Amino acid sequence: MVAVDLSAHPGHLARRLQQAHYLLWNTMVSEEITSPQFAVLNALVAEPGLDQRTVGERVGLDRSTVAEVVSRLGRRGYLDKVRDPQDGRRSLLRPTDDGLRVHRKLTVRTARMNQVFLAPLSDGEQTLFLDLIRRVADAAEGLRNPGAPGEPAVGRR
């Protein structure tokens, strides 16, 4: 049996990128607020009043993960839940004043972290890199939710 070259395996490279991102996040952004927690808070800053399911769709988190993230952010006082006046079965989420303050602080830090993360690439390469990984991530969402409205077809360019 011959060993394979893992430098040509996208999953292996994606894991290494995630490890680097995790290290940079913890050292440059926050040890308390995780990247998925920031993503949820960011989605609610952009669109206050979303329900939990929609927030999860916006940031690419499954139902159980977004439920845990929302719970943690709520316990920290960074978001409020209010009953939807049109549908009492669901709650709408809004960032609190503390949540907005934390979001502002972390937004500056994430910008700095992204500069460090992408520093090995030229400006043009950064744009291309982000476009390519976005396309792969979008296609992966389509694999996870086949036939979901608005999801790109796998392999479409």
N, C-alpha and C. Protein backbone atom coordinates (compact mmCIF):
# COMPACT_ATOMS: atom_id res chain seq x y z
N MET A 1 0.84 -1.18 0.00
CA MET A 1 0.00 0.00 0.00
C MET A 1 0.89 1.24 0.00
N VAL A 2 0.51 2.23 -0.81
CA VAL A 2 1.28 3.46 -0.94
C VAL A 2 0.53 4.59 -0.22
N ALA A 3 1.26 5.38 0.53
CA ALA A 3 0.65 6.52 1.22
C ALA A 3 0.20 7.56 0.19
N VAL A 4 -0.89 8.22 0.48
CA VAL A 4 -1.40 9.26 -0.41
C VAL A 4 -0.81 10.61 -0.01
N ASP A 5 -0.79 11.53 -0.97
CA ASP A 5 -0.29 12.88 -0.72
C ASP A 5 -1.46 13.72 -0.19
N LEU A 6 -1.47 13.94 1.13
CA LEU A 6 -2.58 14.68 1.73
C LEU A 6 -2.59 16.15 1.35
N SER A 7 -1.50 16.66 0.80
CA SER A 7 -1.50 18.05 0.37
C SER A 7 -2.41 18.28 -0.84
N ALA A 8 -2.91 17.20 -1.42
CA ALA A 8 -3.85 17.30 -2.54
C ALA A 8 -5.27 16.91 -2.12
N HIS A 9 -5.49 16.73 -0.83
CA HIS A 9 -6.82 16.37 -0.31
C HIS A 9 -7.49 17.60 0.28
N PRO A 10 -8.58 18.07 -0.33
CA PRO A 10 -9.23 19.29 0.15
C PRO A 10 -9.69 19.19 1.60
N GLY A 11 -10.19 18.05 2.03
CA GLY A 11 -10.64 17.92 3.41
C GLY A 11 -9.51 18.09 4.40
N HIS A 12 -8.35 17.52 4.08
CA HIS A 12 -7.19 17.66 4.95
C HIS A 12 -6.75 19.12 5.02
N LEU A 13 -6.72 19.78 3.87
CA LEU A 13 -6.33 21.19 3.83
C LEU A 13 -7.37 22.06 4.55
N ALA A 14 -8.65 21.73 4.39
CA ALA A 14 -9.70 22.49 5.08
C ALA A 14 -9.55 22.35 6.59
N ARG A 15 -9.21 21.16 7.06
CA ARG A 15 -9.01 20.95 8.50
C ARG A 15 -7.83 21.78 8.99
N ARG A 16 -6.74 21.82 8.21
CA ARG A 16 -5.57 22.61 8.60
C ARG A 16 -5.91 24.10 8.62
N LEU A 17 -6.69 24.55 7.64
CA LEU A 17 -7.13 25.95 7.64
C LEU A 17 -7.99 26.24 8.87
N GLN A 18 -8.88 25.32 9.19
CA GLN A 18 -9.74 25.51 10.37
C GLN A 18 -8.90 25.58 11.64
N GLN A 19 -7.88 24.75 11.74
CA GLN A 19 -7.01 24.79 12.92
C GLN A 19 -6.30 26.15 13.02
N ALA A 20 -5.81 26.65 11.89
CA ALA A 20 -5.14 27.95 11.88
C ALA A 20 -6.13 29.05 12.26
N HIS A 21 -7.34 28.97 11.71
CA HIS A 21 -8.37 29.97 12.02
C HIS A 21 -8.70 29.93 13.51
N TYR A 22 -8.87 28.75 14.06
CA TYR A 22 -9.20 28.59 15.48
C TYR A 22 -8.11 29.22 16.36
N LEU A 23 -6.85 28.95 16.01
CA LEU A 23 -5.73 29.51 16.78
C LEU A 23 -5.74 31.04 16.70
N LEU A 24 -5.88 31.57 15.48
CA LEU A 24 -5.92 33.03 15.33
C LEU A 24 -7.12 33.64 16.04
N TRP A 25 -8.28 32.98 15.93
CA TRP A 25 -9.49 33.50 16.58
C TRP A 25 -9.26 33.63 18.08
N ASN A 26 -8.73 32.55 18.69
CA ASN A 26 -8.54 32.56 20.14
C ASN A 26 -7.48 33.55 20.60
N THR A 27 -6.48 33.81 19.78
CA THR A 27 -5.42 34.72 20.20
C THR A 27 -5.70 36.17 19.80
N MET A 28 -6.42 36.39 18.69
CA MET A 28 -6.60 37.75 18.20
C MET A 28 -8.02 38.31 18.37
N VAL A 29 -9.00 37.44 18.51
CA VAL A 29 -10.38 37.92 18.55
C VAL A 29 -10.99 37.72 19.92
N SER A 30 -11.19 36.47 20.33
CA SER A 30 -11.85 36.22 21.61
C SER A 30 -11.67 34.79 22.06
N GLU A 31 -11.44 34.61 23.34
CA GLU A 31 -11.45 33.27 23.93
C GLU A 31 -12.84 32.94 24.46
N GLU A 32 -13.71 33.94 24.60
CA GLU A 32 -15.03 33.73 25.16
C GLU A 32 -16.11 33.54 24.09
N ILE A 33 -16.04 34.33 23.04
CA ILE A 33 -17.04 34.26 21.97
C ILE A 33 -16.42 33.48 20.81
N THR A 34 -17.07 32.40 20.42
CA THR A 34 -16.56 31.59 19.32
C THR A 34 -16.92 32.21 17.97
N SER A 35 -16.28 31.72 16.93
CA SER A 35 -16.58 32.20 15.59
C SER A 35 -18.04 31.96 15.21
N PRO A 36 -18.63 30.78 15.49
CA PRO A 36 -20.06 30.61 15.21
C PRO A 36 -20.95 31.54 16.03
N GLN A 37 -20.56 31.82 17.28
CA GLN A 37 -21.34 32.77 18.09
C GLN A 37 -21.27 34.16 17.47
N PHE A 38 -20.09 34.56 17.01
CA PHE A 38 -19.95 35.85 16.35
C PHE A 38 -20.80 35.88 15.08
N ALA A 39 -20.81 34.79 14.33
CA ALA A 39 -21.59 34.73 13.08
C ALA A 39 -23.07 34.95 13.37
N VAL A 40 -23.59 34.32 14.42
CA VAL A 40 -25.00 34.49 14.79
C VAL A 40 -25.26 35.93 15.22
N LEU A 41 -24.40 36.45 16.07
CA LEU A 41 -24.56 37.84 16.52
C LEU A 41 -24.49 38.79 15.32
N ASN A 42 -23.58 38.55 14.41
CA ASN A 42 -23.43 39.38 13.22
C ASN A 42 -24.69 39.33 12.35
N ALA A 43 -25.25 38.14 12.19
CA ALA A 43 -26.49 38.01 11.40
C ALA A 43 -27.62 38.81 12.03
N LEU A 44 -27.67 38.83 13.36
CA LEU A 44 -28.74 39.56 14.05
C LEU A 44 -28.49 41.07 14.07
N VAL A 45 -27.24 41.48 13.98
CA VAL A 45 -26.96 42.91 13.84
C VAL A 45 -27.42 43.35 12.45
N ALA A 46 -27.17 42.51 11.46
CA ALA A 46 -27.58 42.83 10.08
C ALA A 46 -29.09 42.79 9.92
N GLU A 47 -29.74 41.81 10.58
CA GLU A 47 -31.19 41.63 10.44
C GLU A 47 -31.82 41.31 11.80
N PRO A 48 -31.99 42.31 12.65
CA PRO A 48 -32.60 42.05 13.95
C PRO A 48 -34.02 41.51 13.76
N GLY A 49 -34.40 40.59 14.64
CA GLY A 49 -35.77 40.07 14.59
C GLY A 49 -35.93 38.79 13.80
N LEU A 50 -34.82 38.15 13.45
CA LEU A 50 -34.92 36.86 12.76
C LEU A 50 -35.27 35.78 13.78
N ASP A 51 -35.89 34.71 13.30
CA ASP A 51 -36.11 33.56 14.17
C ASP A 51 -34.86 32.67 14.12
N GLN A 52 -34.79 31.74 15.05
CA GLN A 52 -33.61 30.90 15.22
C GLN A 52 -33.31 30.08 13.96
N ARG A 53 -34.32 29.51 13.33
CA ARG A 53 -34.13 28.70 12.13
C ARG A 53 -33.50 29.53 11.02
N THR A 54 -34.02 30.73 10.82
CA THR A 54 -33.51 31.60 9.75
C THR A 54 -32.08 32.03 10.03
N VAL A 55 -31.77 32.33 11.29
CA VAL A 55 -30.39 32.69 11.64
C VAL A 55 -29.47 31.53 11.29
N GLY A 56 -29.85 30.32 11.64
CA GLY A 56 -29.04 29.15 11.31
C GLY A 56 -28.80 29.02 9.82
N GLU A 57 -29.84 29.25 9.04
CA GLU A 57 -29.69 29.20 7.58
C GLU A 57 -28.74 30.28 7.08
N ARG A 58 -28.84 31.47 7.64
CA ARG A 58 -28.00 32.60 7.20
C ARG A 58 -26.52 32.31 7.42
N VAL A 59 -26.20 31.64 8.52
CA VAL A 59 -24.78 31.44 8.87
C VAL A 59 -24.30 30.00 8.66
N GLY A 60 -25.17 29.14 8.15
CA GLY A 60 -24.75 27.78 7.83
C GLY A 60 -24.59 26.87 9.03
N LEU A 61 -25.43 27.04 10.05
CA LEU A 61 -25.38 26.18 11.23
C LEU A 61 -26.62 25.28 11.26
N ASP A 62 -26.44 24.03 11.67
CA ASP A 62 -27.58 23.12 11.79
C ASP A 62 -28.42 23.51 13.00
N ARG A 63 -29.61 22.93 13.09
CA ARG A 63 -30.58 23.32 14.13
C ARG A 63 -30.04 23.16 15.54
N SER A 64 -29.40 22.04 15.84
CA SER A 64 -28.94 21.84 17.22
C SER A 64 -27.80 22.79 17.56
N THR A 65 -26.91 23.05 16.60
CA THR A 65 -25.80 23.96 16.87
C THR A 65 -26.30 25.39 17.07
N VAL A 66 -27.20 25.84 16.20
CA VAL A 66 -27.69 27.22 16.34
C VAL A 66 -28.47 27.35 17.65
N ALA A 67 -29.17 26.31 18.07
CA ALA A 67 -29.91 26.36 19.33
C ALA A 67 -28.95 26.56 20.50
N GLU A 68 -27.84 25.85 20.49
CA GLU A 68 -26.84 25.97 21.56
C GLU A 68 -26.18 27.35 21.53
N VAL A 69 -25.85 27.83 20.34
CA VAL A 69 -25.22 29.14 20.20
C VAL A 69 -26.16 30.23 20.70
N VAL A 70 -27.42 30.18 20.31
CA VAL A 70 -28.41 31.18 20.74
C VAL A 70 -28.56 31.12 22.26
N SER A 71 -28.60 29.92 22.81
CA SER A 71 -28.72 29.77 24.26
C SER A 71 -27.53 30.41 24.98
N ARG A 72 -26.33 30.15 24.51
CA ARG A 72 -25.13 30.72 25.14
C ARG A 72 -25.11 32.25 25.04
N LEU A 73 -25.44 32.76 23.86
CA LEU A 73 -25.47 34.22 23.69
C LEU A 73 -26.54 34.85 24.57
N GLY A 74 -27.66 34.17 24.72
CA GLY A 74 -28.72 34.67 25.60
C GLY A 74 -28.29 34.68 27.05
N ARG A 75 -27.64 33.61 27.50
CA ARG A 75 -27.16 33.54 28.89
C ARG A 75 -26.13 34.63 29.18
N ARG A 76 -25.36 35.00 28.19
CA ARG A 76 -24.36 36.05 28.37
C ARG A 76 -24.97 37.45 28.28
N GLY A 77 -26.23 37.51 27.92
CA GLY A 77 -26.90 38.80 27.82
C GLY A 77 -26.66 39.53 26.52
N TYR A 78 -26.25 38.79 25.47
CA TYR A 78 -25.94 39.41 24.19
C TYR A 78 -27.10 39.42 23.21
N LEU A 79 -28.15 38.65 23.52
CA LEU A 79 -29.34 38.72 22.68
C LEU A 79 -30.58 38.46 23.50
N ASP A 80 -31.68 39.02 23.00
CA ASP A 80 -33.00 38.86 23.62
C ASP A 80 -33.87 38.03 22.70
N LYS A 81 -34.75 37.25 23.32
CA LYS A 81 -35.78 36.51 22.59
C LYS A 81 -37.13 37.14 22.92
N VAL A 82 -37.92 37.40 21.89
CA VAL A 82 -39.28 37.87 22.12
C VAL A 82 -40.22 37.03 21.26
N ARG A 83 -41.41 36.79 21.78
CA ARG A 83 -42.40 36.02 21.03
C ARG A 83 -42.82 36.78 19.78
N ASP A 84 -42.93 36.04 18.69
CA ASP A 84 -43.38 36.62 17.43
C ASP A 84 -44.86 36.95 17.56
N PRO A 85 -45.25 38.22 17.37
CA PRO A 85 -46.66 38.58 17.52
C PRO A 85 -47.56 37.89 16.49
N GLN A 86 -47.01 37.51 15.32
CA GLN A 86 -47.80 36.82 14.30
C GLN A 86 -47.87 35.32 14.52
N ASP A 87 -46.88 34.76 15.24
CA ASP A 87 -46.84 33.31 15.47
C ASP A 87 -46.22 33.08 16.84
N GLY A 88 -47.07 32.89 17.84
CA GLY A 88 -46.62 32.73 19.22
C GLY A 88 -45.77 31.50 19.46
N ARG A 89 -45.66 30.61 18.47
CA ARG A 89 -44.83 29.40 18.64
C ARG A 89 -43.35 29.68 18.43
N ARG A 90 -43.04 30.79 17.82
CA ARG A 90 -41.62 31.05 17.54
C ARG A 90 -41.17 32.34 18.22
N SER A 91 -39.87 32.39 18.45
CA SER A 91 -39.26 33.57 19.07
C SER A 91 -38.43 34.31 18.04
N LEU A 92 -38.41 35.61 18.19
CA LEU A 92 -37.57 36.46 17.36
C LEU A 92 -36.38 36.91 18.19
N LEU A 93 -35.24 37.02 17.55
CA LEU A 93 -33.99 37.30 18.25
C LEU A 93 -33.49 38.69 17.88
N ARG A 94 -32.98 39.39 18.91
CA ARG A 94 -32.42 40.73 18.70
C ARG A 94 -31.18 40.87 19.58
N PRO A 95 -30.16 41.53 19.05
CA PRO A 95 -28.99 41.78 19.90
C PRO A 95 -29.33 42.82 20.97
N THR A 96 -28.82 42.62 22.15
CA THR A 96 -28.97 43.60 23.23
C THR A 96 -27.93 44.70 23.04
N ASP A 97 -28.00 45.72 23.88
CA ASP A 97 -26.97 46.77 23.84
C ASP A 97 -25.59 46.17 24.09
N ASP A 98 -25.49 45.23 25.05
CA ASP A 98 -24.21 44.56 25.30
C ASP A 98 -23.79 43.75 24.08
N GLY A 99 -24.74 43.10 23.43
CA GLY A 99 -24.44 42.34 22.22
C GLY A 99 -23.91 43.23 21.11
N LEU A 100 -24.50 44.40 20.95
CA LEU A 100 -24.03 45.35 19.94
C LEU A 100 -22.63 45.84 20.27
N ARG A 101 -22.38 46.10 21.55
CA ARG A 101 -21.05 46.56 21.98
C ARG A 101 -19.99 45.49 21.69
N VAL A 102 -20.29 44.25 22.05
CA VAL A 102 -19.35 43.14 21.81
C VAL A 102 -19.15 42.95 20.31
N HIS A 103 -20.22 43.05 19.55
CA HIS A 103 -20.11 42.89 18.11
C HIS A 103 -19.17 43.94 17.51
N ARG A 104 -19.31 45.19 17.92
CA ARG A 104 -18.44 46.26 17.42
C ARG A 104 -16.97 45.96 17.72
N LYS A 105 -16.71 45.54 18.95
CA LYS A 105 -15.34 45.24 19.37
C LYS A 105 -14.78 44.06 18.55
N LEU A 106 -15.56 43.02 18.40
CA LEU A 106 -15.08 41.82 17.69
C LEU A 106 -14.96 42.06 16.19
N THR A 107 -15.77 42.94 15.64
CA THR A 107 -15.69 43.24 14.22
C THR A 107 -14.31 43.81 13.87
N VAL A 108 -13.80 44.70 14.70
CA VAL A 108 -12.47 45.27 14.48
C VAL A 108 -11.42 44.17 14.60
N ARG A 109 -11.56 43.33 15.60
CA ARG A 109 -10.58 42.26 15.80
C ARG A 109 -10.61 41.23 14.67
N THR A 110 -11.80 40.89 14.18
CA THR A 110 -11.88 39.91 13.09
C THR A 110 -11.26 40.48 11.82
N ALA A 111 -11.40 41.77 11.59
CA ALA A 111 -10.77 42.37 10.41
C ALA A 111 -9.25 42.23 10.49
N ARG A 112 -8.69 42.49 11.67
CA ARG A 112 -7.24 42.33 11.85
C ARG A 112 -6.83 40.87 11.68
N MET A 113 -7.61 39.96 12.27
CA MET A 113 -7.30 38.54 12.16
C MET A 113 -7.33 38.08 10.71
N ASN A 114 -8.31 38.54 9.95
CA ASN A 114 -8.41 38.15 8.54
C ASN A 114 -7.21 38.65 7.74
N GLN A 115 -6.70 39.82 8.09
CA GLN A 115 -5.50 40.32 7.41
C GLN A 115 -4.32 39.37 7.65
N VAL A 116 -4.17 38.93 8.89
CA VAL A 116 -3.08 38.01 9.22
C VAL A 116 -3.30 36.66 8.53
N PHE A 117 -4.52 36.18 8.57
CA PHE A 117 -4.86 34.87 8.01
C PHE A 117 -4.57 34.83 6.50
N LEU A 118 -4.89 35.91 5.81
CA LEU A 118 -4.76 35.95 4.35
C LEU A 118 -3.46 36.60 3.89
N ALA A 119 -2.58 36.99 4.81
CA ALA A 119 -1.35 37.70 4.47
C ALA A 119 -0.46 36.98 3.46
N PRO A 120 -0.43 35.66 3.41
CA PRO A 120 0.43 35.01 2.41
C PRO A 120 -0.02 35.24 0.96
N LEU A 121 -1.23 35.78 0.76
CA LEU A 121 -1.79 35.96 -0.58
C LEU A 121 -1.80 37.43 -0.98
N SER A 122 -1.63 37.68 -2.28
CA SER A 122 -1.77 39.04 -2.80
C SER A 122 -3.25 39.42 -2.74
N ASP A 123 -3.56 40.68 -2.97
CA ASP A 123 -4.96 41.14 -2.96
C ASP A 123 -5.80 40.34 -3.96
N GLY A 124 -5.28 40.16 -5.16
CA GLY A 124 -6.01 39.40 -6.18
C GLY A 124 -6.19 37.94 -5.79
N GLU A 125 -5.15 37.36 -5.21
CA GLU A 125 -5.24 35.97 -4.75
C GLU A 125 -6.25 35.84 -3.60
N GLN A 126 -6.29 36.84 -2.71
CA GLN A 126 -7.27 36.80 -1.62
C GLN A 126 -8.69 36.79 -2.17
N THR A 127 -8.95 37.64 -3.14
CA THR A 127 -10.28 37.70 -3.76
C THR A 127 -10.62 36.37 -4.40
N LEU A 128 -9.68 35.81 -5.16
CA LEU A 128 -9.90 34.52 -5.82
C LEU A 128 -10.09 33.40 -4.80
N PHE A 129 -9.24 33.38 -3.78
CA PHE A 129 -9.34 32.36 -2.73
C PHE A 129 -10.71 32.38 -2.07
N LEU A 130 -11.16 33.57 -1.67
CA LEU A 130 -12.48 33.68 -1.03
C LEU A 130 -13.60 33.26 -1.97
N ASP A 131 -13.49 33.62 -3.24
CA ASP A 131 -14.50 33.21 -4.21
C ASP A 131 -14.53 31.68 -4.34
N LEU A 132 -13.36 31.07 -4.43
CA LEU A 132 -13.30 29.62 -4.61
C LEU A 132 -13.82 28.87 -3.39
N ILE A 133 -13.39 29.27 -2.19
CA ILE A 133 -13.87 28.53 -1.02
C ILE A 133 -15.36 28.78 -0.78
N ARG A 134 -15.84 29.96 -1.15
CA ARG A 134 -17.28 30.23 -1.06
C ARG A 134 -18.06 29.30 -2.00
N ARG A 135 -17.56 29.12 -3.22
CA ARG A 135 -18.23 28.22 -4.17
C ARG A 135 -18.24 26.79 -3.66
N VAL A 136 -17.14 26.34 -3.10
CA VAL A 136 -17.09 24.98 -2.56
C VAL A 136 -18.02 24.85 -1.36
N ALA A 137 -18.02 25.85 -0.48
CA ALA A 137 -18.90 25.81 0.69
C ALA A 137 -20.37 25.84 0.26
N ASP A 138 -20.71 26.66 -0.73
CA ASP A 138 -22.09 26.70 -1.22
C ASP A 138 -22.50 25.36 -1.81
N ALA A 139 -21.61 24.75 -2.56
CA ALA A 139 -21.91 23.43 -3.13
C ALA A 139 -22.08 22.39 -2.03
N ALA A 140 -21.27 22.49 -0.99
CA ALA A 140 -21.39 21.56 0.14
C ALA A 140 -22.74 21.73 0.84
N GLU A 141 -23.21 22.98 0.95
CA GLU A 141 -24.54 23.21 1.52
C GLU A 141 -25.59 22.51 0.69
N GLY A 142 -25.43 22.55 -0.64
CA GLY A 142 -26.36 21.87 -1.53
C GLY A 142 -26.35 20.37 -1.32
N LEU A 143 -25.20 19.80 -0.98
CA LEU A 143 -25.12 18.37 -0.70
C LEU A 143 -25.83 18.03 0.61
N ARG A 144 -25.69 18.93 1.59
CA ARG A 144 -26.32 18.71 2.89
C ARG A 144 -27.83 18.86 2.81
N ASN A 145 -28.30 19.80 1.96
CA ASN A 145 -29.72 20.08 1.81
C ASN A 145 -30.13 19.95 0.34
N PRO A 146 -30.08 18.74 -0.23
CA PRO A 146 -30.40 18.63 -1.65
C PRO A 146 -31.82 19.12 -1.93
N GLY A 147 -31.92 19.90 -2.97
CA GLY A 147 -33.23 20.40 -3.37
C GLY A 147 -33.74 21.56 -2.55
N ALA A 148 -32.93 22.07 -1.64
CA ALA A 148 -33.36 23.21 -0.84
C ALA A 148 -33.49 24.44 -1.74
N PRO A 149 -34.56 25.22 -1.56
CA PRO A 149 -34.72 26.40 -2.41
C PRO A 149 -33.55 27.36 -2.27
N GLY A 150 -33.11 27.87 -3.40
CA GLY A 150 -32.02 28.85 -3.38
C GLY A 150 -30.63 28.26 -3.28
N GLU A 151 -30.52 26.95 -3.15
CA GLU A 151 -29.21 26.33 -3.06
C GLU A 151 -28.67 26.07 -4.46
N PRO A 152 -27.38 26.32 -4.67
CA PRO A 152 -26.80 26.08 -5.98
C PRO A 152 -26.73 24.60 -6.29
N ALA A 153 -26.84 24.27 -7.54
CA ALA A 153 -26.67 22.87 -7.96
C ALA A 153 -25.21 22.51 -7.83
N VAL A 154 -24.92 21.29 -7.43
CA VAL A 154 -23.55 20.84 -7.29
C VAL A 154 -22.89 20.85 -8.67
N GLY A 155 -21.72 21.44 -8.73
CA GLY A 155 -20.97 21.48 -9.97
C GLY A 155 -21.30 22.67 -10.86
N ARG A 156 -22.28 23.48 -10.52
CA ARG A 156 -22.63 24.65 -11.33
C ARG A 156 -21.54 25.70 -11.18
N ARG A 157 -21.24 26.38 -12.26
CA ARG A 157 -20.22 27.44 -12.21
C ARG A 157 -20.82 28.75 -12.53
